[in-house]
Amino acid sequence: MFPRYSKRHVMEAMSDTPVVFIMGPRQVGKTTLVKTLMADMGSEQWTYITLDDQSQFEIAQADPVGFIRNLPATRIALDEVQRLPELFVSIKQAVDEHRSPGRFLLTGSANALLLPRLSDSLAGRMESVRLMTLSECEIQGRQAAFLSKLLNQEAPSAQSIRIREHILDRLVTGCFPEPLQRVSERRRQAWHRQYLNTLVQRDIRDLGHIDHPDLMIKLLSLTAFYAGKLVNLTELGGKLGLDRLTIKKYMALLEQLFLVGQLPAWHSNEYKRLVKTPKLHSIDTGLMCAVRGLNRDRLLKQPADFGLLLESFVYNELCKQAVWLDEPLRFYHYRDKDKVEVDVIIENAVGDCFAVEIKAASTLSEKDFIGLKRFQSVAGDRFKIGVLLYDGDHTTAFGDNLYAVPVGALWS
């Protein structure tokens, strides 16, 4: 079993908050984490219920208030709570009647906080913890240090160097626990395809009225081609014969299910020549490869796709590490009207900026730092450090607070 570094945050939240909500995609290990916590705290203190059990679902659906009120006087672990949003109001009533830390531990495979009327129903009573797919740090059992060093304005170093073969395997396999344990590429892709079919057949119908559910897989396939690129809803809708309003609704649903995410553009009131369009990223490169039919050999022959997938992988790895930190961070990309770009901008609470550029190459030159230098000049005093991740051997300075860093530093 892989270690989950979000466990500490769940335990801390349960020490002083009545309701803790672990949310993330299906099959990332939410239930496993919950059962581990139950065992650690004493299983006799807990009652576990999953709404994937149809009989439990129907009982709760028939009488949400009575279902919660009649639960045993133990801690309650309630799995897949997004299937019945009406329970949130009933949980609120139960907490208001008897408020105790860690009383409810919920999991959800959709961001239920985005559902209508739910964002306020448990305000002040609930803390959410995001559980994403496995990070490379968790897969290898290493503590994450990259993001912490970056925030301390230190250039990270790497123990793992020249790791192109490893990265290729990781991009195609992805970071869900189950495919990582399958021995062949064919069986891993079979898992990914089945995963997507199950989501469309069950979760999408649970979450909202969709006029064309068959188009959701087609849309997801299209987003795999747009990963790492600027979002163009009109173009996406045109390819599926959907108007802008409908495609926007469908994209929001994919985001709610944690399948894709939009990375907003960094902006500054002092600098007007910035593109404000977000970038699109998938939450898992293995899903992207399965949808597009990309295997290891094909990816080797398509360097442009390799570069975009690597960008998504690094962005996701940074987001996972950010969840474990105590300091809130915001993520952006940078692009100006000269088409000069930086892949990831990280901004802390006081507005300090840390830039990360990603290259699939093993050798670099000064021109590879054009984007970082442009952003450094635009951000001014807010700029603290910029790193260019590449498939090389050494951390090397390329100017004032600019460094080339081996991509293996992400998990060293």
Protein backbone atom coordinates (compact mmCIF):
# COMPACT_ATOMS: atom_id res chain seq x y z
CA MET A 1 0.00 0.00 0.00
CA PHE A 2 1.29 3.43 -0.92
CA PRO A 3 1.70 6.09 1.81
CA ARG A 4 -0.69 9.04 1.55
CA TYR A 5 0.83 12.27 2.80
CA SER A 6 -2.59 13.95 3.07
CA LYS A 7 -3.35 11.67 6.03
CA ARG A 8 -1.77 14.14 8.47
CA HIS A 9 -4.07 16.94 7.30
CA VAL A 10 -7.15 14.75 7.65
CA MET A 11 -6.18 13.83 11.22
CA GLU A 12 -5.48 17.46 12.12
CA ALA A 13 -8.84 18.53 10.73
CA MET A 14 -10.65 15.80 12.65
CA SER A 15 -9.11 17.02 15.91
CA ASP A 16 -11.11 20.27 15.88
CA THR A 17 -13.71 20.18 13.07
CA PRO A 18 -17.06 18.30 13.20
CA VAL A 19 -17.13 17.33 9.50
CA VAL A 20 -14.11 16.46 7.37
CA PHE A 21 -14.64 15.92 3.66
CA ILE A 22 -12.01 14.00 1.64
CA MET A 23 -12.65 14.73 -2.01
CA GLY A 24 -10.95 13.55 -5.15
CA PRO A 25 -11.41 11.35 -8.23
CA ARG A 26 -12.71 7.80 -7.97
CA GLN A 27 -10.09 5.13 -7.35
CA VAL A 28 -7.39 7.40 -5.89
CA GLY A 29 -7.59 5.69 -2.48
CA LYS A 30 -10.11 7.72 -0.48
CA THR A 31 -11.82 4.63 0.97
CA THR A 32 -8.46 3.02 1.73
CA LEU A 33 -7.36 6.16 3.56
CA VAL A 34 -10.62 6.28 5.54
CA LYS A 35 -10.33 2.63 6.60
CA THR A 36 -6.70 3.17 7.59
CA LEU A 37 -7.75 6.09 9.79
CA MET A 38 -10.58 4.02 11.29
CA ALA A 39 -8.13 1.24 12.17
CA ASP A 40 -5.63 3.69 13.65
CA MET A 41 -8.28 5.34 15.84
CA GLY A 42 -10.02 2.10 16.81
CA SER A 43 -12.57 0.54 14.47
CA GLU A 44 -15.08 0.10 17.32
CA GLN A 45 -15.45 3.91 17.39
CA TRP A 46 -16.70 3.98 13.81
CA THR A 47 -19.68 3.14 11.62
CA TYR A 48 -18.84 2.90 7.93
CA ILE A 49 -21.49 3.39 5.21
CA THR A 50 -21.05 3.73 1.47
CA LEU A 51 -23.71 5.20 -0.80
CA ASP A 52 -22.39 3.01 -3.59
CA ASP A 53 -24.38 0.33 -1.74
CA GLN A 54 -27.73 0.69 -3.51
CA SER A 55 -29.78 -0.42 -0.52
CA GLN A 56 -28.15 2.19 1.73
CA PHE A 57 -28.57 4.79 -0.99
CA GLU A 58 -32.30 4.10 -1.32
CA ILE A 59 -32.84 4.23 2.45
CA ALA A 60 -31.01 7.57 2.69
CA GLN A 61 -32.79 8.94 -0.37
CA ALA A 62 -36.22 8.10 1.03
CA ASP A 63 -35.61 9.97 4.30
CA PRO A 64 -32.31 11.96 4.48
CA VAL A 65 -33.13 13.51 7.86
CA GLY A 66 -34.17 10.23 9.44
CA PHE A 67 -31.19 8.41 7.94
CA ILE A 68 -28.69 10.72 9.63
CA ARG A 69 -30.68 11.02 12.87
CA ASN A 70 -30.86 7.23 13.29
CA LEU A 71 -27.15 6.60 12.81
CA PRO A 72 -25.33 5.00 15.77
CA ALA A 73 -23.71 7.24 18.38
CA THR A 74 -20.24 6.66 16.93
CA ARG A 75 -18.02 8.47 14.50
CA ILE A 76 -19.55 8.15 11.01
CA ALA A 77 -17.59 7.47 7.83
CA LEU A 78 -19.86 8.17 4.85
CA ASP A 79 -18.45 7.20 1.46
CA GLU A 80 -19.43 8.71 -1.92
CA VAL A 81 -21.65 11.34 -0.34
CA GLN A 82 -21.92 13.30 -3.61
CA ARG A 83 -24.48 10.73 -4.78
CA LEU A 84 -27.04 12.28 -2.40
CA PRO A 85 -26.41 16.01 -1.84
CA GLU A 86 -29.55 16.27 0.31
CA LEU A 87 -27.59 14.63 3.14
CA PHE A 88 -25.48 17.74 3.65
CA VAL A 89 -28.42 19.66 5.14
CA SER A 90 -29.23 16.71 7.41
CA ILE A 91 -25.60 16.50 8.54
CA LYS A 92 -25.67 20.23 9.30
CA GLN A 93 -28.71 19.72 11.54
CA ALA A 94 -27.05 16.80 13.33
CA VAL A 95 -23.86 18.80 13.92
CA ASP A 96 -25.80 21.79 15.25
CA GLU A 97 -27.60 19.51 17.72
CA HIS A 98 -24.43 17.76 18.87
CA ARG A 99 -21.14 19.38 17.87
CA SER A 100 -18.03 17.27 18.44
CA PRO A 101 -14.72 17.15 16.53
CA GLY A 102 -14.33 14.45 13.88
CA ARG A 103 -17.94 13.28 14.13
CA PHE A 104 -18.40 12.85 10.36
CA LEU A 105 -15.74 11.77 7.88
CA LEU A 106 -17.10 12.11 4.36
CA THR A 107 -15.65 11.17 0.99
CA GLY A 108 -16.75 12.30 -2.43
CA SER A 109 -15.69 11.56 -5.99
CA ALA A 110 -16.98 14.92 -7.11
CA ASN A 111 -16.45 18.38 -5.75
CA ALA A 112 -19.76 18.57 -3.91
CA LEU A 113 -18.85 22.07 -2.73
CA LEU A 114 -19.58 23.26 -6.27
CA LEU A 115 -23.11 21.86 -6.21
CA PRO A 116 -25.97 24.37 -5.83
CA ARG A 117 -26.69 25.47 -2.26
CA LEU A 118 -24.08 23.16 -0.71
CA SER A 119 -21.19 25.60 -0.46
CA ASP A 120 -22.88 27.38 2.48
CA SER A 121 -24.74 24.51 4.17
CA LEU A 122 -21.74 23.37 6.23
CA ALA A 123 -19.84 26.64 6.44
CA GLY A 124 -17.85 26.78 9.67
CA ARG A 125 -18.60 23.13 10.35
CA MET A 126 -16.61 21.34 7.66
CA GLU A 127 -13.05 21.24 6.36
CA SER A 128 -12.23 19.70 2.99
CA VAL A 129 -9.02 17.85 2.15
CA ARG A 130 -8.13 17.14 -1.46
CA LEU A 131 -6.83 13.65 -2.25
CA MET A 132 -5.31 13.48 -5.71
CA THR A 133 -3.76 10.64 -7.66
CA LEU A 134 -0.48 9.36 -6.23
CA SER A 135 2.47 11.69 -6.40
CA GLU A 136 5.84 10.40 -7.49
CA CYS A 137 7.02 11.05 -3.93
CA GLU A 138 4.36 8.70 -2.57
CA ILE A 139 5.04 6.08 -5.25
CA GLN A 140 8.73 6.05 -4.37
CA GLY A 141 8.18 6.53 -0.63
CA ARG A 142 10.15 9.78 -0.49
CA GLN A 143 9.32 12.96 1.36
CA ALA A 144 8.57 15.92 -0.87
CA ALA A 145 11.10 18.76 -0.69
CA PHE A 146 10.98 20.44 -4.11
CA LEU A 147 8.20 22.92 -3.47
CA SER A 148 9.41 23.73 0.04
CA LYS A 149 12.87 24.55 -1.30
CA LEU A 150 11.41 26.66 -4.07
CA LEU A 151 9.38 28.71 -1.57
CA ASN A 152 12.58 29.20 0.44
CA GLN A 153 14.22 30.52 -2.76
CA GLU A 154 16.60 27.57 -2.93
CA ALA A 155 17.49 25.79 -6.16
CA PRO A 156 16.44 22.12 -5.74
CA SER A 157 18.87 19.34 -6.63
CA ALA A 158 18.24 15.78 -7.81
CA GLN A 159 19.37 12.29 -6.91
CA SER A 160 17.55 10.89 -9.96
CA ILE A 161 19.12 12.11 -13.22
CA ARG A 162 18.68 11.27 -16.91
CA ILE A 163 15.30 9.71 -16.25
CA ARG A 164 13.67 9.89 -19.67
CA GLU A 165 12.84 6.15 -19.66
CA HIS A 166 11.23 6.39 -16.22
CA ILE A 167 9.23 9.48 -17.22
CA LEU A 168 7.98 7.76 -20.37
CA ASP A 169 6.66 4.86 -18.31
CA ARG A 170 5.08 7.19 -15.77
CA LEU A 171 3.34 9.32 -18.41
CA VAL A 172 1.74 6.28 -20.02
CA THR A 173 0.91 4.49 -16.76
CA GLY A 174 -0.32 7.54 -14.88
CA CYS A 175 -0.61 7.79 -11.11
CA PHE A 176 -3.78 5.92 -10.12
CA PRO A 177 -2.90 3.12 -7.65
CA GLU A 178 -4.47 0.24 -9.62
CA PRO A 179 -2.70 0.69 -13.00
CA LEU A 180 0.61 1.09 -11.18
CA GLN A 181 0.22 -2.47 -9.93
CA ARG A 182 -0.60 -3.98 -13.33
CA VAL A 183 2.29 -5.58 -15.18
CA SER A 184 1.51 -4.80 -18.83
CA GLU A 185 0.78 -1.60 -20.72
CA ARG A 186 -2.23 -3.23 -22.38
CA ARG A 187 -3.82 -4.11 -19.02
CA ARG A 188 -3.16 -0.61 -17.67
CA GLN A 189 -4.91 1.01 -20.62
CA ALA A 190 -7.81 -1.43 -20.25
CA TRP A 191 -8.24 -0.18 -16.67
CA HIS A 192 -8.23 3.45 -17.79
CA ARG A 193 -10.85 2.84 -20.47
CA GLN A 194 -13.13 1.00 -18.06
CA TYR A 195 -12.66 3.75 -15.50
CA LEU A 196 -13.87 6.39 -17.94
CA ASN A 197 -16.87 4.32 -19.07
CA THR A 198 -17.94 3.82 -15.46
CA LEU A 199 -17.72 7.54 -14.73
CA VAL A 200 -19.89 8.45 -17.70
CA GLN A 201 -22.45 5.75 -17.00
CA ARG A 202 -22.80 6.47 -13.28
CA ASP A 203 -21.32 9.65 -11.83
CA ILE A 204 -22.18 12.01 -14.64
CA ARG A 205 -25.83 10.94 -14.51
CA ASP A 206 -25.80 11.35 -10.73
CA LEU A 207 -24.50 14.91 -10.83
CA GLY A 208 -26.66 16.66 -13.37
CA HIS A 209 -28.98 16.55 -16.33
CA ILE A 210 -26.96 15.87 -19.46
CA ASP A 211 -28.76 15.93 -22.79
CA HIS A 212 -26.02 14.03 -24.63
CA PRO A 213 -24.16 11.73 -22.20
CA ASP A 214 -22.58 9.93 -25.16
CA LEU A 215 -20.73 13.13 -25.98
CA MET A 216 -18.95 13.24 -22.62
CA ILE A 217 -16.40 10.58 -23.61
CA LYS A 218 -15.87 12.40 -26.92
CA LEU A 219 -15.37 15.67 -25.04
CA LEU A 220 -12.94 14.00 -22.66
CA SER A 221 -11.04 12.64 -25.66
CA LEU A 222 -10.83 16.15 -27.09
CA THR A 223 -9.55 17.58 -23.82
CA ALA A 224 -6.72 15.04 -23.96
CA PHE A 225 -5.61 16.66 -27.23
CA TYR A 226 -5.87 20.14 -25.69
CA ALA A 227 -3.94 19.34 -22.51
CA GLY A 228 -1.23 21.93 -21.94
CA LYS A 229 -2.87 24.29 -24.45
CA LEU A 230 -5.06 27.36 -24.10
CA VAL A 231 -8.75 26.64 -23.56
CA ASN A 232 -10.95 27.40 -26.57
CA LEU A 233 -14.55 26.53 -25.70
CA THR A 234 -15.90 27.68 -29.07
CA GLU A 235 -13.51 25.38 -30.91
CA LEU A 236 -14.26 22.46 -28.59
CA GLY A 237 -18.01 22.97 -28.97
CA GLY A 238 -17.73 23.22 -32.74
CA LYS A 239 -16.06 19.82 -32.95
CA LEU A 240 -18.98 18.25 -31.07
CA GLY A 241 -21.80 20.31 -32.54
CA LEU A 242 -22.53 21.98 -29.18
CA ASP A 243 -23.06 25.68 -28.50
CA ARG A 244 -20.73 27.60 -26.17
CA LEU A 245 -23.13 27.54 -23.23
CA THR A 246 -23.54 23.75 -23.41
CA ILE A 247 -19.84 23.03 -23.84
CA LYS A 248 -19.12 25.29 -20.85
CA LYS A 249 -21.61 23.26 -18.76
CA TYR A 250 -20.06 19.97 -19.85
CA MET A 251 -16.53 21.19 -19.14
CA ALA A 252 -17.63 22.31 -15.67
CA LEU A 253 -18.92 18.80 -15.04
CA LEU A 254 -15.58 17.24 -16.05
CA GLU A 255 -13.87 19.63 -13.62
CA GLN A 256 -16.35 18.75 -10.88
CA LEU A 257 -15.41 15.08 -11.35
CA PHE A 258 -11.71 16.01 -11.06
CA LEU A 259 -10.97 14.75 -14.60
CA VAL A 260 -9.66 18.03 -16.00
CA GLY A 261 -8.64 21.38 -14.57
CA GLN A 262 -8.18 24.86 -15.93
CA LEU A 263 -4.98 26.69 -15.00
CA PRO A 264 -5.75 30.43 -14.99
CA ALA A 265 -3.49 32.99 -16.59
CA TRP A 266 -1.30 35.16 -14.35
CA HIS A 267 -2.12 38.85 -14.63
CA SER A 268 -0.86 42.17 -13.37
CA ASN A 269 -2.57 45.55 -13.25
CA GLU A 270 0.73 47.20 -14.20
CA TYR A 271 1.29 45.10 -17.32
CA LYS A 272 -1.49 45.04 -19.90
CA ARG A 273 0.01 42.86 -22.65
CA LEU A 274 -0.94 39.56 -21.05
CA VAL A 275 -3.12 36.78 -22.42
CA LYS A 276 -5.93 36.00 -19.96
CA THR A 277 -7.06 32.64 -21.37
CA PRO A 278 -6.62 29.63 -19.03
CA LYS A 279 -4.75 26.47 -19.95
CA LEU A 280 -6.29 23.02 -19.86
CA HIS A 281 -4.72 20.12 -17.96
CA SER A 282 -5.85 16.55 -17.28
CA ILE A 283 -5.50 15.21 -13.74
CA ASP A 284 -3.68 12.11 -14.98
CA THR A 285 -1.46 11.51 -18.01
CA GLY A 286 -2.32 7.79 -18.03
CA LEU A 287 -5.96 8.67 -18.71
CA MET A 288 -4.88 11.03 -21.48
CA CYS A 289 -2.73 8.37 -23.14
CA ALA A 290 -5.49 5.76 -22.90
CA VAL A 291 -8.06 8.11 -24.43
CA ARG A 292 -5.71 9.05 -27.27
CA GLY A 293 -4.35 5.56 -27.84
CA LEU A 294 -0.82 6.66 -26.98
CA ASN A 295 1.57 3.98 -25.82
CA ARG A 296 5.23 4.22 -24.97
CA ASP A 297 6.48 3.60 -28.53
CA ARG A 298 4.12 6.13 -30.08
CA LEU A 299 5.05 8.73 -27.50
CA LEU A 300 8.73 8.28 -28.33
CA LYS A 301 7.96 9.17 -31.95
CA GLN A 302 5.87 12.24 -31.06
CA PRO A 303 8.10 14.68 -29.13
CA ALA A 304 5.49 17.46 -29.15
CA ASP A 305 2.99 15.23 -27.34
CA PHE A 306 5.70 14.06 -24.96
CA GLY A 307 6.43 17.69 -24.04
CA LEU A 308 2.76 18.53 -23.37
CA LEU A 309 2.24 15.39 -21.30
CA LEU A 310 5.37 16.14 -19.30
CA GLU A 311 4.05 19.64 -18.61
CA SER A 312 0.78 18.21 -17.28
CA PHE A 313 2.65 15.64 -15.18
CA VAL A 314 4.87 18.30 -13.57
CA TYR A 315 1.94 20.66 -12.98
CA ASN A 316 -0.03 17.88 -11.26
CA GLU A 317 3.00 16.90 -9.16
CA LEU A 318 3.35 20.49 -7.95
CA CYS A 319 -0.36 20.67 -7.09
CA LYS A 320 -0.07 17.45 -5.06
CA GLN A 321 2.87 18.78 -3.09
CA ALA A 322 1.03 22.05 -2.48
CA VAL A 323 -1.79 20.15 -0.72
CA TRP A 324 0.69 18.93 1.90
CA LEU A 325 2.03 22.39 2.73
CA ASP A 326 0.58 24.64 5.41
CA GLU A 327 0.95 27.74 3.22
CA PRO A 328 -1.87 28.38 0.72
CA LEU A 329 -0.63 28.67 -2.86
CA ARG A 330 -2.22 29.71 -6.15
CA PHE A 331 -1.18 28.35 -9.54
CA TYR A 332 -1.14 30.16 -12.89
CA HIS A 333 0.50 30.07 -16.29
CA TYR A 334 2.11 33.08 -17.96
CA ARG A 335 1.67 34.11 -21.59
CA ASP A 336 1.93 37.52 -23.19
CA LYS A 337 0.87 38.83 -26.58
CA ASP A 338 4.33 38.07 -27.98
CA LYS A 339 3.53 34.38 -27.21
CA VAL A 340 6.31 34.27 -24.61
CA GLU A 341 5.29 31.72 -21.98
CA VAL A 342 6.09 30.17 -18.62
CA ASP A 343 4.38 26.86 -17.87
CA VAL A 344 3.64 27.31 -14.15
CA ILE A 345 3.62 30.37 -11.89
CA ILE A 346 3.20 29.72 -8.16
CA GLU A 347 2.04 32.63 -6.02
CA ASN A 348 1.92 32.65 -2.23
CA ALA A 349 -0.43 34.56 0.05
CA VAL A 350 1.62 37.77 -0.02
CA GLY A 351 1.99 37.77 -3.82
CA ASP A 352 5.56 36.42 -4.14
CA CYS A 353 6.01 34.57 -7.44
CA PHE A 354 7.96 31.40 -8.20
CA ALA A 355 8.22 30.29 -11.83
CA VAL A 356 8.64 26.79 -13.27
CA GLU A 357 9.31 26.04 -16.93
CA ILE A 358 9.39 22.46 -18.26
CA LYS A 359 11.52 21.12 -21.11
CA ALA A 360 11.79 17.51 -22.27
CA ALA A 361 15.35 18.10 -23.55
CA SER A 362 18.57 16.95 -21.87
CA THR A 363 20.58 19.99 -22.98
CA LEU A 364 19.72 23.66 -22.63
CA SER A 365 20.81 27.07 -23.91
CA GLU A 366 20.16 30.70 -23.00
CA LYS A 367 17.15 30.88 -25.36
CA ASP A 368 15.32 28.31 -23.22
CA PHE A 369 15.20 30.92 -20.44
CA ILE A 370 13.47 33.61 -22.53
CA GLY A 371 10.09 33.00 -20.84
CA LEU A 372 11.51 32.99 -17.33
CA LYS A 373 13.48 36.18 -17.97
CA ARG A 374 10.45 37.92 -19.46
CA PHE A 375 8.32 36.99 -16.47
CA GLN A 376 11.12 38.08 -14.12
CA SER A 377 11.10 41.54 -15.69
CA VAL A 378 7.30 41.79 -15.66
CA ALA A 379 6.84 40.57 -12.06
CA GLY A 380 9.63 42.80 -10.74
CA ASP A 381 10.16 42.56 -6.99
CA ARG A 382 7.46 39.91 -6.72
CA PHE A 383 9.69 37.45 -8.63
CA LYS A 384 11.71 35.31 -6.22
CA ILE A 385 13.13 32.37 -8.20
CA GLY A 386 12.68 30.64 -11.55
CA VAL A 387 13.64 27.07 -12.43
CA LEU A 388 13.70 25.25 -15.72
CA LEU A 389 13.16 21.53 -15.27
CA TYR A 390 14.99 19.38 -17.83
CA ASP A 391 16.24 15.82 -18.27
CA GLY A 392 19.79 16.63 -17.25
CA ASP A 393 22.43 15.90 -14.63
CA HIS A 394 23.06 19.05 -12.63
CA THR A 395 21.45 22.09 -11.06
CA THR A 396 23.08 25.05 -12.81
CA ALA A 397 22.66 28.82 -12.46
CA PHE A 398 21.57 30.64 -15.64
CA GLY A 399 21.37 34.16 -14.29
CA ASP A 400 20.11 36.04 -11.27
CA ASN A 401 17.76 33.66 -9.38
CA LEU A 402 17.36 31.49 -12.49
CA TYR A 403 18.36 27.82 -12.50
CA ALA A 404 18.30 24.71 -14.66
CA VAL A 405 17.19 21.80 -12.46
CA PRO A 406 16.91 18.07 -13.29
CA VAL A 407 13.26 17.01 -13.40
CA GLY A 408 14.09 14.25 -10.90
CA ALA A 409 14.40 16.99 -8.26
CA LEU A 410 10.60 16.91 -8.06
CA TRP A 411 10.81 13.81 -5.89
CA SER A 412 14.40 13.87 -4.58
